[in-house]
C-alpha atoms as a PDB file:
ATOM      1  CA  UNK A   1     102.006 101.745  89.443  1.00  0.00           C
ATOM      2  CA  UNK A   2     102.370  97.952  89.455  1.00  0.00           C
ATOM      3  CA  UNK A   3      99.478  95.747  88.740  1.00  0.00           C
ATOM      4  CA  UNK A   4      99.625  92.439  89.980  1.00  0.00           C
ATOM      5  CA  UNK A   5      97.022  90.296  88.701  1.00  0.00           C
ATOM      6  CA  UNK A   6      96.371  86.942  90.209  1.00  0.00           C
ATOM      7  CA  UNK A   7      94.876  84.069  87.907  1.00  0.00           C
ATOM      8  CA  UNK A   8      94.092  80.222  87.817  1.00  0.00           C
ATOM      9  CA  UNK A   9      92.955  78.002  85.229  1.00  0.00           C
ATOM     10  CA  UNK A  10      89.752  76.591  87.518  1.00  0.00           C
ATOM     11  CA  UNK A  11      87.264  78.411  90.023  1.00  0.00           C
ATOM     12  CA  UNK A  12      87.974  78.268  93.985  1.00  0.00           C
ATOM     13  CA  UNK A  13      91.863  77.401  93.663  1.00  0.00           C
ATOM     14  CA  UNK A  14      92.516  80.170  95.934  1.00  0.00           C
ATOM     15  CA  UNK A  15      92.778  83.449  94.025  1.00  0.00           C
ATOM     16  CA  UNK A  16      91.291  85.495  96.616  1.00  0.00           C
ATOM     17  CA  UNK A  17      93.043  83.759  99.400  1.00  0.00           C
ATOM     18  CA  UNK A  18      96.482  85.051  97.462  1.00  0.00           C
ATOM     19  CA  UNK A  19      95.109  88.414  97.251  1.00  0.00           C
ATOM     20  CA  UNK A  20      94.064  89.054 100.585  1.00  0.00           C
ATOM     21  CA  UNK A  21      97.806  87.790 101.852  1.00  0.00           C
ATOM     22  CA  UNK A  22      99.379  89.893  99.022  1.00  0.00           C
ATOM     23  CA  UNK A  23      97.524  92.569  99.884  1.00  0.00           C
ATOM     24  CA  UNK A  24      97.765  92.355 103.343  1.00  0.00           C
ATOM     25  CA  UNK A  25     101.596  92.690 103.538  1.00  0.00           C
ATOM     26  CA  UNK A  26     101.565  95.146 100.700  1.00  0.00           C
ATOM     27  CA  UNK A  27      99.461  97.447 103.214  1.00  0.00           C
ATOM     28  CA  UNK A  28     101.161  96.041 106.352  1.00  0.00           C
ATOM     29  CA  UNK A  29     104.918  96.964 104.578  1.00  0.00           C
ATOM     30  CA  UNK A  30     103.439 101.049 103.921  1.00  0.00           C
ATOM     31  CA  UNK A  31     102.436 100.990 100.649  1.00  0.00           C
ATOM     32  CA  UNK A  32      99.608 102.648  98.741  1.00  0.00           C
ATOM     33  CA  UNK A  33      97.535  99.507  97.269  1.00  0.00           C
ATOM     34  CA  UNK A  34      94.414  99.794  95.764  1.00  0.00           C
ATOM     35  CA  UNK A  35      92.337  96.122  95.021  1.00  0.00           C
ATOM     36  CA  UNK A  36      89.804  95.404  92.249  1.00  0.00           C
ATOM     37  CA  UNK A  37      87.688  91.900  91.420  1.00  0.00           C
ATOM     38  CA  UNK A  38      87.411  93.067  87.576  1.00  0.00           C
ATOM     39  CA  UNK A  39      84.798  90.674  87.087  1.00  0.00           C
ATOM     40  CA  UNK A  40      82.456  88.400  89.228  1.00  0.00           C
ATOM     41  CA  UNK A  41      79.597  85.949  89.107  1.00  0.00           C
ATOM     42  CA  UNK A  42      79.138  85.587  92.812  1.00  0.00           C
ATOM     43  CA  UNK A  43      77.117  89.268  92.405  1.00  0.00           C
ATOM     44  CA  UNK A  44      74.880  91.024  95.783  1.00  0.00           C
ATOM     45  CA  UNK A  45      73.235  92.926  96.223  1.00  0.00           C
ATOM     46  CA  UNK A  46      74.580  96.407  98.243  1.00  0.00           C
ATOM     47  CA  UNK A  47      72.476  99.322  98.515  1.00  0.00           C
ATOM     48  CA  UNK A  48      70.234  99.560  94.671  1.00  0.00           C
ATOM     49  CA  UNK A  49      73.379  97.941  92.463  1.00  0.00           C
ATOM     50  CA  UNK A  50      74.880  94.416  92.424  1.00  0.00           C
ATOM     51  CA  UNK A  51      78.715  93.930  93.200  1.00  0.00           C
ATOM     52  CA  UNK A  52      81.089  91.053  94.035  1.00  0.00           C
ATOM     53  CA  UNK A  53      80.715  89.446  97.278  1.00  0.00           C
ATOM     54  CA  UNK A  54      84.061  88.845  97.905  1.00  0.00           C
ATOM     55  CA  UNK A  55      84.811  92.814  96.621  1.00  0.00           C
ATOM     56  CA  UNK A  56      82.947  93.704  99.206  1.00  0.00           C
ATOM     57  CA  UNK A  57      84.140  91.850 102.387  1.00  0.00           C
ATOM     58  CA  UNK A  58      87.966  92.481 101.240  1.00  0.00           C
ATOM     59  CA  UNK A  59      86.981  96.571 101.329  1.00  0.00           C
ATOM     60  CA  UNK A  60      85.128  96.577 104.263  1.00  0.00           C
ATOM     61  CA  UNK A  61      88.234  94.400 106.374  1.00  0.00           C
ATOM     62  CA  UNK A  62      90.673  96.554 104.595  1.00  0.00           C
ATOM     63  CA  UNK A  63      89.090  99.362 105.102  1.00  0.00           C
ATOM     64  CA  UNK A  64      89.796 100.278 101.128  1.00  0.00           C
ATOM     65  CA  UNK A  65      89.121 103.851 100.389  1.00  0.00           C
ATOM     66  CA  UNK A  66      87.699 103.162  96.674  1.00  0.00           C
ATOM     67  CA  UNK A  67      84.044 103.291  95.984  1.00  0.00           C
ATOM     68  CA  UNK A  68      82.825  99.527  95.026  1.00  0.00           C
ATOM     69  CA  UNK A  69      81.653 100.755  91.591  1.00  0.00           C
ATOM     70  CA  UNK A  70      85.688 100.686  91.229  1.00  0.00           C
ATOM     71  CA  UNK A  71      86.654  97.681  93.291  1.00  0.00           C
ATOM     72  CA  UNK A  72      84.147  95.416  91.389  1.00  0.00           C
ATOM     73  CA  UNK A  73      83.177  97.433  88.160  1.00  0.00           C
ATOM     74  CA  UNK A  74      81.467  94.843  86.187  1.00  0.00           C
ATOM     75  CA  UNK A  75      79.034  92.132  87.835  1.00  0.00           C
ATOM     76  CA  UNK A  76      77.559  89.206  86.000  1.00  0.00           C
ATOM     77  CA  UNK A  77      74.110  88.933  87.401  1.00  0.00           C
ATOM     78  CA  UNK A  78      71.347  86.773  86.005  1.00  0.00           C
ATOM     79  CA  UNK A  79      70.236  89.839  84.119  1.00  0.00           C
ATOM     80  CA  UNK A  80      73.451  90.673  82.892  1.00  0.00           C
ATOM     81  CA  UNK A  81      73.721  87.167  81.673  1.00  0.00           C
ATOM     82  CA  UNK A  82      70.069  87.253  79.042  1.00  0.00           C
ATOM     83  CA  UNK A  83      71.013  91.067  78.091  1.00  0.00           C
ATOM     84  CA  UNK A  84      74.339  88.999  76.796  1.00  0.00           C
ATOM     85  CA  UNK A  85      72.683  86.528  74.962  1.00  0.00           C
ATOM     86  CA  UNK A  86      70.708  89.434  73.307  1.00  0.00           C
ATOM     87  CA  UNK A  87      74.119  90.829  72.551  1.00  0.00           C
ATOM     88  CA  UNK A  88      73.681  94.018  74.087  1.00  0.00           C
ATOM     89  CA  UNK A  89      76.359  94.565  76.911  1.00  0.00           C
ATOM     90  CA  UNK A  90      78.156  97.425  76.108  1.00  0.00           C
ATOM     91  CA  UNK A  91      81.520  98.701  77.094  1.00  0.00           C
ATOM     92  CA  UNK A  92      82.330  96.063  80.070  1.00  0.00           C
ATOM     93  CA  UNK A  93      85.995  96.489  79.068  1.00  0.00           C
ATOM     94  CA  UNK A  94      85.808 100.163  79.349  1.00  0.00           C
ATOM     95  CA  UNK A  95      84.382  99.905  82.752  1.00  0.00           C
ATOM     96  CA  UNK A  96      86.738  98.101  83.990  1.00  0.00           C
ATOM     97  CA  UNK A  97      90.121  99.846  82.476  1.00  0.00           C
ATOM     98  CA  UNK A  98      87.892 103.375  83.585  1.00  0.00           C
ATOM     99  CA  UNK A  99      87.935 101.020  87.192  1.00  0.00           C
ATOM    100  CA  UNK A 100      91.592 100.195  86.659  1.00  0.00           C
ATOM    101  CA  UNK A 101      93.027 103.666  86.002  1.00  0.00           C
ATOM    102  CA  UNK A 102      91.079 105.381  88.726  1.00  0.00           C
ATOM    103  CA  UNK A 103      93.516 104.006  90.632  1.00  0.00           C
ATOM    104  CA  UNK A 104      96.763 104.714  88.754  1.00  0.00           C
ATOM    105  CA  UNK A 105      98.330 106.529  91.539  1.00  0.00           C
ATOM    106  CA  UNK A 106      98.637 103.478  93.437  1.00  0.00           C
ATOM    107  CA  UNK A 107     101.900 101.741  93.911  1.00  0.00           C
ATOM    108  CA  UNK A 108     100.259  98.503  93.485  1.00  0.00           C
ATOM    109  CA  UNK A 109      97.147  97.464  92.620  1.00  0.00           C
ATOM    110  CA  UNK A 110      96.164  93.448  93.475  1.00  0.00           C
ATOM    111  CA  UNK A 111      93.622  92.120  90.666  1.00  0.00           C
ATOM    112  CA  UNK A 112      91.753  88.998  91.433  1.00  0.00           C
ATOM    113  CA  UNK A 113      90.744  87.292  88.351  1.00  0.00           C
ATOM    114  CA  UNK A 114      88.070  85.493  87.368  1.00  0.00           C
ATOM    115  CA  UNK A 115      87.444  81.370  87.592  1.00  0.00           C
ATOM    116  CA  UNK A 116      89.520  80.877  84.712  1.00  0.00           C
ATOM    117  CA  UNK A 117      91.923  82.685  82.339  1.00  0.00           C
ATOM    118  CA  UNK A 118      88.792  82.286  79.617  1.00  0.00           C
ATOM    119  CA  UNK A 119      86.075  83.874  81.138  1.00  0.00           C
ATOM    120  CA  UNK A 120      84.446  86.858  80.006  1.00  0.00           C
ATOM    121  CA  UNK A 121      86.286  86.644  76.510  1.00  0.00           C
ATOM    122  CA  UNK A 122      83.199  87.145  74.149  1.00  0.00           C
ATOM    123  CA  UNK A 123      82.956  91.061  76.246  1.00  0.00           C
ATOM    124  CA  UNK A 124      86.616  90.987  75.716  1.00  0.00           C
ATOM    125  CA  UNK A 125      86.869  90.941  79.332  1.00  0.00           C
ATOM    126  CA  UNK A 126      89.258  87.672  79.873  1.00  0.00           C
ATOM    127  CA  UNK A 127      92.182  88.163  82.288  1.00  0.00           C
ATOM    128  CA  UNK A 128      94.629  87.340  79.010  1.00  0.00           C
ATOM    129  CA  UNK A 129      93.131  90.280  77.376  1.00  0.00           C
ATOM    130  CA  UNK A 130      92.902  92.228  80.702  1.00  0.00           C
ATOM    131  CA  UNK A 131      96.712  91.766  81.480  1.00  0.00           C
ATOM    132  CA  UNK A 132      97.801  93.152  78.199  1.00  0.00           C
ATOM    133  CA  UNK A 133      95.930  96.289  78.471  1.00  0.00           C
ATOM    134  CA  UNK A 134      96.681  96.770  81.953  1.00  0.00           C
ATOM    135  CA  UNK A 135     100.364  95.381  81.461  1.00  0.00           C
ATOM    136  CA  UNK A 136     100.147  93.349  84.528  1.00  0.00           C
ATOM    137  CA  UNK A 137     102.444  91.127  86.138  1.00  0.00           C
ATOM    138  CA  UNK A 138     101.370  87.558  86.685  1.00  0.00           C
ATOM    139  CA  UNK A 139     100.959  85.520  89.335  1.00  0.00           C
ATOM    140  CA  UNK A 140      99.351  81.648  88.497  1.00  0.00           C
ATOM    141  CA  UNK A 141      97.369  80.125  91.173  1.00  0.00           C
ATOM    142  CA  UNK A 142      97.421  76.303  91.473  1.00  0.00           C
ATOM    143  CA  UNK A 143      95.033  74.081  93.128  1.00  0.00           C
ATOM    144  CA  UNK A 144      97.425  69.919  93.190  1.00  0.00           C
ATOM    145  CA  UNK A 145      95.759  68.197  90.895  1.00  0.00           C
ATOM    146  CA  UNK A 146      98.952  66.026  90.563  1.00  0.00           C
ATOM    147  CA  UNK A 147     101.549  65.850  87.684  1.00  0.00           C
ATOM    148  CA  UNK A 148      99.205  68.115  85.711  1.00  0.00           C
ATOM    149  CA  UNK A 149      99.135  71.059  87.661  1.00  0.00           C
ATOM    150  CA  UNK A 150     103.338  71.404  86.351  1.00  0.00           C
ATOM    151  CA  UNK A 151     102.010  71.675  83.265  1.00  0.00           C
ATOM    152  CA  UNK A 152      99.385  74.387  84.129  1.00  0.00           C
ATOM    153  CA  UNK A 153     102.057  76.586  85.796  1.00  0.00           C
ATOM    154  CA  UNK A 154     104.859  75.675  83.279  1.00  0.00           C
ATOM    155  CA  UNK A 155     101.966  76.304  80.126  1.00  0.00           C
ATOM    156  CA  UNK A 156     100.944  79.818  81.038  1.00  0.00           C
ATOM    157  CA  UNK A 157     104.325  81.031  80.386  1.00  0.00           C
ATOM    158  CA  UNK A 158     103.688  80.844  76.860  1.00  0.00           C
ATOM    159  CA  UNK A 159     100.373  82.995  77.468  1.00  0.00           C
ATOM    160  CA  UNK A 160     101.635  85.316  79.235  1.00  0.00           C
ATOM    161  CA  UNK A 161     104.937  86.369  78.270  1.00  0.00           C
ATOM    162  CA  UNK A 162     107.144  87.855  80.747  1.00  0.00           C
ATOM    163  CA  UNK A 163     104.527  89.731  82.174  1.00  0.00           C
ATOM    164  CA  UNK A 164     104.404  86.310  84.225  1.00  0.00           C
ATOM    165  CA  UNK A 165     106.453  86.180  87.950  1.00  0.00           C
ATOM    166  CA  UNK A 166     105.513  82.478  88.923  1.00  0.00           C
ATOM    167  CA  UNK A 167     103.019  80.417  91.036  1.00  0.00           C
ATOM    168  CA  UNK A 168     102.345  78.681  94.220  1.00  0.00           C
ATOM    169  CA  UNK A 169     100.770  75.706  94.712  1.00  0.00           C
ATOM    170  CA  UNK A 170      97.590  75.555  96.528  1.00  0.00           C
ATOM    171  CA  UNK A 171      96.240  72.522  98.814  1.00  0.00           C
ATOM    172  CA  UNK A 172      98.226  70.290  98.806  1.00  0.00           C
ATOM    173  CA  UNK A 173      96.950  67.374 100.294  1.00  0.00           C
ATOM    174  CA  UNK A 174      99.534  66.539 103.539  1.00  0.00           C
ATOM    175  CA  UNK A 175     100.204  63.521 102.605  1.00  0.00           C
ATOM    176  CA  UNK A 176     102.615  64.835  99.551  1.00  0.00           C
ATOM    177  CA  UNK A 177     103.720  68.345 101.170  1.00  0.00           C
ATOM    178  CA  UNK A 178     107.312  66.931 101.373  1.00  0.00           C
ATOM    179  CA  UNK A 179     106.833  65.357  97.815  1.00  0.00           C
ATOM    180  CA  UNK A 180     105.613  68.788  96.740  1.00  0.00           C
ATOM    181  CA  UNK A 181     108.065  70.570  98.398  1.00  0.00           C
ATOM    182  CA  UNK A 182     111.353  68.752  98.266  1.00  0.00           C
ATOM    183  CA  UNK A 183     110.728  67.192  94.052  1.00  0.00           C
ATOM    184  CA  UNK A 184     108.182  69.476  92.638  1.00  0.00           C
ATOM    185  CA  UNK A 185     108.937  72.405  93.201  1.00  0.00           C
ATOM    186  CA  UNK A 186     113.315  72.141  92.538  1.00  0.00           C
ATOM    187  CA  UNK A 187     111.718  70.483  89.431  1.00  0.00           C
ATOM    188  CA  UNK A 188     109.935  73.781  88.500  1.00  0.00           C
ATOM    189  CA  UNK A 189     112.052  75.879  89.709  1.00  0.00           C
ATOM    190  CA  UNK A 190     114.862  74.417  87.470  1.00  0.00           C
ATOM    191  CA  UNK A 191     112.540  74.983  84.303  1.00  0.00           C
ATOM    192  CA  UNK A 192     112.947  78.735  85.057  1.00  0.00           C
ATOM    193  CA  UNK A 193     109.314  78.651  86.769  1.00  0.00           C
ATOM    194  CA  UNK A 194     109.218  80.674  89.956  1.00  0.00           C
ATOM    195  CA  UNK A 195     107.359  79.169  93.136  1.00  0.00           C
ATOM    196  CA  UNK A 196     106.460  81.255  95.479  1.00  0.00           C
ATOM    197  CA  UNK A 197     105.155  79.250  98.004  1.00  0.00           C
ATOM    198  CA  UNK A 198     103.726  75.487  98.733  1.00  0.00           C
ATOM    199  CA  UNK A 199     100.228  75.621 100.701  1.00  0.00           C
ATOM    200  CA  UNK A 200      98.474  72.591 102.473  1.00  0.00           C
ATOM    201  CA  UNK A 201      95.177  71.730 102.522  1.00  0.00           C
ATOM    202  CA  UNK A 202      93.882  73.505 105.142  1.00  0.00           C
ATOM    203  CA  UNK A 203      90.487  72.491 107.150  1.00  0.00           C
ATOM    204  CA  UNK A 204      89.844  75.173 108.606  1.00  0.00           C
ATOM    205  CA  UNK A 205      89.708  77.302 105.623  1.00  0.00           C
ATOM    206  CA  UNK A 206      87.866  74.540 103.510  1.00  0.00           C
ATOM    207  CA  UNK A 207      85.174  74.522 106.487  1.00  0.00           C
ATOM    208  CA  UNK A 208      81.916  76.374 106.134  1.00  0.00           C
ATOM    209  CA  UNK A 209      78.649  77.439 108.054  1.00  0.00           C
ATOM    210  CA  UNK A 210      75.693  75.641 109.027  1.00  0.00           C
ATOM    211  CA  UNK A 211      74.056  78.784 107.877  1.00  0.00           C
ATOM    212  CA  UNK A 212      75.879  77.741 104.028  1.00  0.00           C
ATOM    213  CA  UNK A 213      74.994  74.629 104.118  1.00  0.00           C
ATOM    214  CA  UNK A 214      70.889  74.985 104.161  1.00  0.00           C
ATOM    215  CA  UNK A 215      70.853  77.517 101.602  1.00  0.00           C
ATOM    216  CA  UNK A 216      72.994  75.071  99.301  1.00  0.00           C
ATOM    217  CA  UNK A 217      70.830  72.388 100.127  1.00  0.00           C
ATOM    218  CA  UNK A 218      67.664  74.460 100.236  1.00  0.00           C
ATOM    219  CA  UNK A 219      66.642  73.052 103.565  1.00  0.00           C
ATOM    220  CA  UNK A 220      65.002  74.419 106.817  1.00  0.00           C
ATOM    221  CA  UNK A 221      65.723  74.547 110.470  1.00  0.00           C
ATOM    222  CA  UNK A 222      64.390  72.452 113.511  1.00  0.00           C
ATOM    223  CA  UNK A 223      66.865  73.711 115.825  1.00  0.00           C
ATOM    224  CA  UNK A 224      69.476  75.125 116.551  1.00  0.00           C
ATOM    225  CA  UNK A 225      69.111  79.020 115.207  1.00  0.00           C
ATOM    226  CA  UNK A 226      72.402  80.167 117.335  1.00  0.00           C
ATOM    227  CA  UNK A 227      74.420  77.843 115.607  1.00  0.00           C
ATOM    228  CA  UNK A 228      73.641  79.254 112.397  1.00  0.00           C
ATOM    229  CA  UNK A 229      77.381  80.806 112.074  1.00  0.00           C
ATOM    230  CA  UNK A 230      79.120  77.175 113.086  1.00  0.00           C
ATOM    231  CA  UNK A 231      81.604  76.151 111.130  1.00  0.00           C
ATOM    232  CA  UNK A 232      82.011  72.629 109.741  1.00  0.00           C
ATOM    233  CA  UNK A 233      85.122  70.309 107.718  1.00  0.00           C
ATOM    234  CA  UNK A 234      83.785  67.093 108.375  1.00  0.00           C
ATOM    235  CA  UNK A 235      80.787  64.995 107.673  1.00  0.00           C
ATOM    236  CA  UNK A 236      79.611  61.619 108.584  1.00  0.00           C
ATOM    237  CA  UNK A 237      77.014  59.532 106.529  1.00  0.00           C
ATOM    238  CA  UNK A 238      74.867  57.749 109.419  1.00  0.00           C
ATOM    239  CA  UNK A 239      73.900  54.537 107.881  1.00  0.00           C
ATOM    240  CA  UNK A 240      74.453  51.868 109.984  1.00  0.00           C
ATOM    241  CA  UNK A 241      73.353  49.707 113.128  1.00  0.00           C
ATOM    242  CA  UNK A 242      72.689  51.816 116.110  1.00  0.00           C
ATOM    243  CA  UNK A 243      75.592  49.242 118.158  1.00  0.00           C
ATOM    244  CA  UNK A 244      78.461  50.616 116.257  1.00  0.00           C
ATOM    245  CA  UNK A 245      77.327  53.986 115.835  1.00  0.00           C
ATOM    246  CA  UNK A 246      78.592  55.764 118.592  1.00  0.00           C
ATOM    247  CA  UNK A 247      82.127  54.003 118.615  1.00  0.00           C
ATOM    248  CA  UNK A 248      81.732  55.585 114.405  1.00  0.00           C
ATOM    249  CA  UNK A 249      80.537  59.181 115.341  1.00  0.00           C
ATOM    250  CA  UNK A 250      83.348  59.610 118.137  1.00  0.00           C
ATOM    251  CA  UNK A 251      86.159  59.430 115.430  1.00  0.00           C
ATOM    252  CA  UNK A 252      85.789  62.806 114.398  1.00  0.00           C
ATOM    253  CA  UNK A 253      85.069  65.678 115.803  1.00  0.00           C
ATOM    254  CA  UNK A 254      82.945  68.624 114.979  1.00  0.00           C
ATOM    255  CA  UNK A 255      81.310  67.618 111.964  1.00  0.00           C
ATOM    256  CA  UNK A 256      77.997  67.178 109.964  1.00  0.00           C
ATOM    257  CA  UNK A 257      75.937  63.843 110.496  1.00  0.00           C
ATOM    258  CA  UNK A 258      73.494  63.142 107.437  1.00  0.00           C
ATOM    259  CA  UNK A 259      70.780  60.705 107.926  1.00  0.00           C
ATOM    260  CA  UNK A 260      67.393  59.457 107.408  1.00  0.00           C
ATOM    261  CA  UNK A 261      64.814  61.550 109.019  1.00  0.00           C
ATOM    262  CA  UNK A 262      63.131  57.815 110.339  1.00  0.00           C
ATOM    263  CA  UNK A 263      66.752  57.279 112.337  1.00  0.00           C
ATOM    264  CA  UNK A 264      65.915  58.492 115.664  1.00  0.00           C
ATOM    265  CA  UNK A 265      68.618  55.981 116.801  1.00  0.00           C
ATOM    266  CA  UNK A 266      71.220  57.510 114.552  1.00  0.00           C
ATOM    267  CA  UNK A 267      70.116  60.565 115.408  1.00  0.00           C
ATOM    268  CA  UNK A 268      70.424  60.526 119.383  1.00  0.00           C
ATOM    269  CA  UNK A 269      73.589  58.678 119.226  1.00  0.00           C
ATOM    270  CA  UNK A 270      75.127  61.686 116.943  1.00  0.00           C
ATOM    271  CA  UNK A 271      74.113  64.149 119.237  1.00  0.00           C
ATOM    272  CA  UNK A 272      75.878  61.867 122.314  1.00  0.00           C
ATOM    273  CA  UNK A 273      78.876  62.925 120.499  1.00  0.00           C
ATOM    274  CA  UNK A 274      81.338  65.753 119.123  1.00  0.00           C
ATOM    275  CA  UNK A 275      78.630  66.627 116.374  1.00  0.00           C
ATOM    276  CA  UNK A 276      77.449  70.370 115.173  1.00  0.00           C
ATOM    277  CA  UNK A 277      74.887  69.285 113.113  1.00  0.00           C
ATOM    278  CA  UNK A 278      72.557  67.093 112.096  1.00  0.00           C
ATOM    279  CA  UNK A 279      70.974  66.790 108.626  1.00  0.00           C
ATOM    280  CA  UNK A 280      67.453  64.769 108.335  1.00  0.00           C
ATOM    281  CA  UNK A 281      67.047  63.726 104.447  1.00  0.00           C
ATOM    282  CA  UNK A 282      64.034  62.851 102.733  1.00  0.00           C
ATOM    283  CA  UNK A 283      61.884  65.777 103.691  1.00  0.00           C
ATOM    284  CA  UNK A 284      60.944  64.517 107.178  1.00  0.00           C
ATOM    285  CA  UNK A 285      61.390  65.793 110.866  1.00  0.00           C
ATOM    286  CA  UNK A 286      62.155  64.153 113.923  1.00  0.00           C
ATOM    287  CA  UNK A 287      60.257  63.229 117.208  1.00  0.00           C
ATOM    288  CA  UNK A 288      60.452  66.081 120.200  1.00  0.00           C
ATOM    289  CA  UNK A 289      62.387  64.060 122.339  1.00  0.00           C
ATOM    290  CA  UNK A 290      65.110  64.375 119.636  1.00  0.00           C
ATOM    291  CA  UNK A 291      65.050  67.748 119.212  1.00  0.00           C
ATOM    292  CA  UNK A 292      65.042  68.396 122.932  1.00  0.00           C
ATOM    293  CA  UNK A 293      67.709  66.614 122.977  1.00  0.00           C
ATOM    294  CA  UNK A 294      69.554  68.447 120.170  1.00  0.00           C
ATOM    295  CA  UNK A 295      68.512  71.539 122.005  1.00  0.00           C
ATOM    296  CA  UNK A 296      70.639  70.594 125.714  1.00  0.00           C
ATOM    297  CA  UNK A 297      73.409  69.402 123.269  1.00  0.00           C
ATOM    298  CA  UNK A 298      73.637  72.256 121.499  1.00  0.00           C
ATOM    299  CA  UNK A 299      73.337  70.730 118.390  1.00  0.00           C
ATOM    300  CA  UNK A 300      72.172  72.176 114.996  1.00  0.00           C
ATOM    301  CA  UNK A 301      69.296  69.967 113.518  1.00  0.00           C
ATOM    302  CA  UNK A 302      67.857  70.256 109.732  1.00  0.00           C
ATOM    303  CA  UNK A 303      65.465  68.546 107.567  1.00  0.00           C
ATOM    304  CA  UNK A 304      66.039  68.562 103.493  1.00  0.00           C
ATOM    305  CA  UNK A 305      64.026  67.357 100.956  1.00  0.00           C
ATOM    306  CA  UNK A 306      66.872  65.447  98.991  1.00  0.00           C
ATOM    307  CA  UNK A 307      68.044  61.948  99.354  1.00  0.00           C
ATOM    308  CA  UNK A 308      70.980  61.076 101.839  1.00  0.00           C
ATOM    309  CA  UNK A 309      73.467  60.597  98.790  1.00  0.00           C
ATOM    310  CA  UNK A 310      72.176  63.818  96.939  1.00  0.00           C
ATOM    311  CA  UNK A 311      72.943  65.647 100.023  1.00  0.00           C
ATOM    312  CA  UNK A 312      76.570  63.696 100.427  1.00  0.00           C
ATOM    313  CA  UNK A 313      77.434  64.965  96.645  1.00  0.00           C
ATOM    314  CA  UNK A 314      76.018  68.544  97.268  1.00  0.00           C
ATOM    315  CA  UNK A 315      77.910  69.257 100.506  1.00  0.00           C
ATOM    316  CA  UNK A 316      81.193  67.465  99.124  1.00  0.00           C
ATOM    317  CA  UNK A 317      80.931  69.840  96.874  1.00  0.00           C
ATOM    318  CA  UNK A 318      80.566  72.637  99.379  1.00  0.00           C
ATOM    319  CA  UNK A 319      83.092  71.684 101.046  1.00  0.00           C
ATOM    320  CA  UNK A 320      85.121  71.828  98.088  1.00  0.00           C
ATOM    321  CA  UNK A 321      84.727  75.620  97.547  1.00  0.00           C
ATOM    322  CA  UNK A 322      86.220  77.550  99.761  1.00  0.00           C
ATOM    323  CA  UNK A 323      85.203  80.544 100.896  1.00  0.00           C
ATOM    324  CA  UNK A 324      87.423  83.472 102.915  1.00  0.00           C
ATOM    325  CA  UNK A 325      84.597  85.559 103.778  1.00  0.00           C
ATOM    326  CA  UNK A 326      83.374  83.724 106.917  1.00  0.00           C
ATOM    327  CA  UNK A 327      84.033  84.163 110.616  1.00  0.00           C
ATOM    328  CA  UNK A 328      87.411  83.736 111.437  1.00  0.00           C
ATOM    329  CA  UNK A 329      89.242  83.080 108.386  1.00  0.00           C
ATOM    330  CA  UNK A 330      90.794  85.771 107.220  1.00  0.00           C
ATOM    331  CA  UNK A 331      93.157  86.072 110.430  1.00  0.00           C
ATOM    332  CA  UNK A 332      93.744  82.143 110.003  1.00  0.00           C
ATOM    333  CA  UNK A 333      94.500  82.923 106.001  1.00  0.00           C
ATOM    334  CA  UNK A 334      97.089  85.850 106.323  1.00  0.00           C
ATOM    335  CA  UNK A 335      98.609  83.137 109.164  1.00  0.00           C
ATOM    336  CA  UNK A 336      99.342  80.820 106.100  1.00  0.00           C
ATOM    337  CA  UNK A 337     100.423  83.046 103.988  1.00  0.00           C
ATOM    338  CA  UNK A 338     102.824  84.578 105.967  1.00  0.00           C
ATOM    339  CA  UNK A 339     104.163  81.009 106.840  1.00  0.00           C
ATOM    340  CA  UNK A 340     104.171  79.819 102.917  1.00  0.00           C
ATOM    341  CA  UNK A 341     104.723  82.655 101.015  1.00  0.00           C
ATOM    342  CA  UNK A 342     108.023  83.782  99.527  1.00  0.00           C
ATOM    343  CA  UNK A 343     107.083  87.846  99.816  1.00  0.00           C
ATOM    344  CA  UNK A 344     110.266  89.363  99.710  1.00  0.00           C
ATOM    345  CA  UNK A 345     111.014  87.198  96.252  1.00  0.00           C
ATOM    346  CA  UNK A 346     107.665  89.026  94.938  1.00  0.00           C
ATOM    347  CA  UNK A 347     109.205  92.168  95.851  1.00  0.00           C
ATOM    348  CA  UNK A 348     112.439  91.860  94.804  1.00  0.00           C
ATOM    349  CA  UNK A 349     111.166  90.914  91.156  1.00  0.00           C
ATOM    350  CA  UNK A 350     110.144  94.978  90.911  1.00  0.00           C
ATOM    351  CA  UNK A 351     113.614  96.218  92.183  1.00  0.00           C
END
């Protein structure tokens, strides 16, 4: 059994993306592979219990045989956090390790770590503790944040030691991708850090559904209920005069436009361009003519209580938190992984 533990030092760096890619390739090559998400903070109800949302998605996507309580052994639900503050959470470490050893006959176990390496420390279920107890090999995923990203990939070796295989740079902006590939990667290799891949920011993978936007903004749908699973990766603010609006909105396709509910002129201009969704701020609705025109053009309209700038801030946060478990993203993730990840080099680490 070879455990591969995928870690990072911040949330939404792309651990699940790398885990899915490795899992997919190992299965493709005929290995007997297990997967687990030891700790979850995105727990959802499945039957009478709660499990990690990503673990549920991956189990279904890859038809994994193991039950969910093995794949997602410990969910940090709201109730669990309350019990934790009373110091009454017991045997979390044992629960995770029992699930891990349940898969001891696998060739590989791909383990997707928590948001950062210290999450779960109080319960002795942080990534560093589990890596040591599982005797796992480590791949570090670093979302590109400039030169400090080199420090992260280099520094983790001091904490993990010889179980550290190497890492990847993820979500690298396209304008500096050549610099990271041609200068940063060779520099890190000279420092003894294997770089298995350098991944560009991908608009499709970073897109979110209209449904997700509604949930995050606590909004109400006024029209376009059949468009809730449409993906959005651009947004524009409608605060200009109407004479410039059409030219401004025509620059960006498949977008969401955020504007005040009283700006029916801006709403109509947005509808006439490549717009998937309009968010009306201020807690007010628009008129029937706008709704009818939006319905004709297939544009969803959402009303939210927030002011425009609060809504913008929330959407920026949403778009920075990539979710793989949305329509079409799994195949795109596999495609990008196959293009950029040096899988042969990874396998050679075990021969």
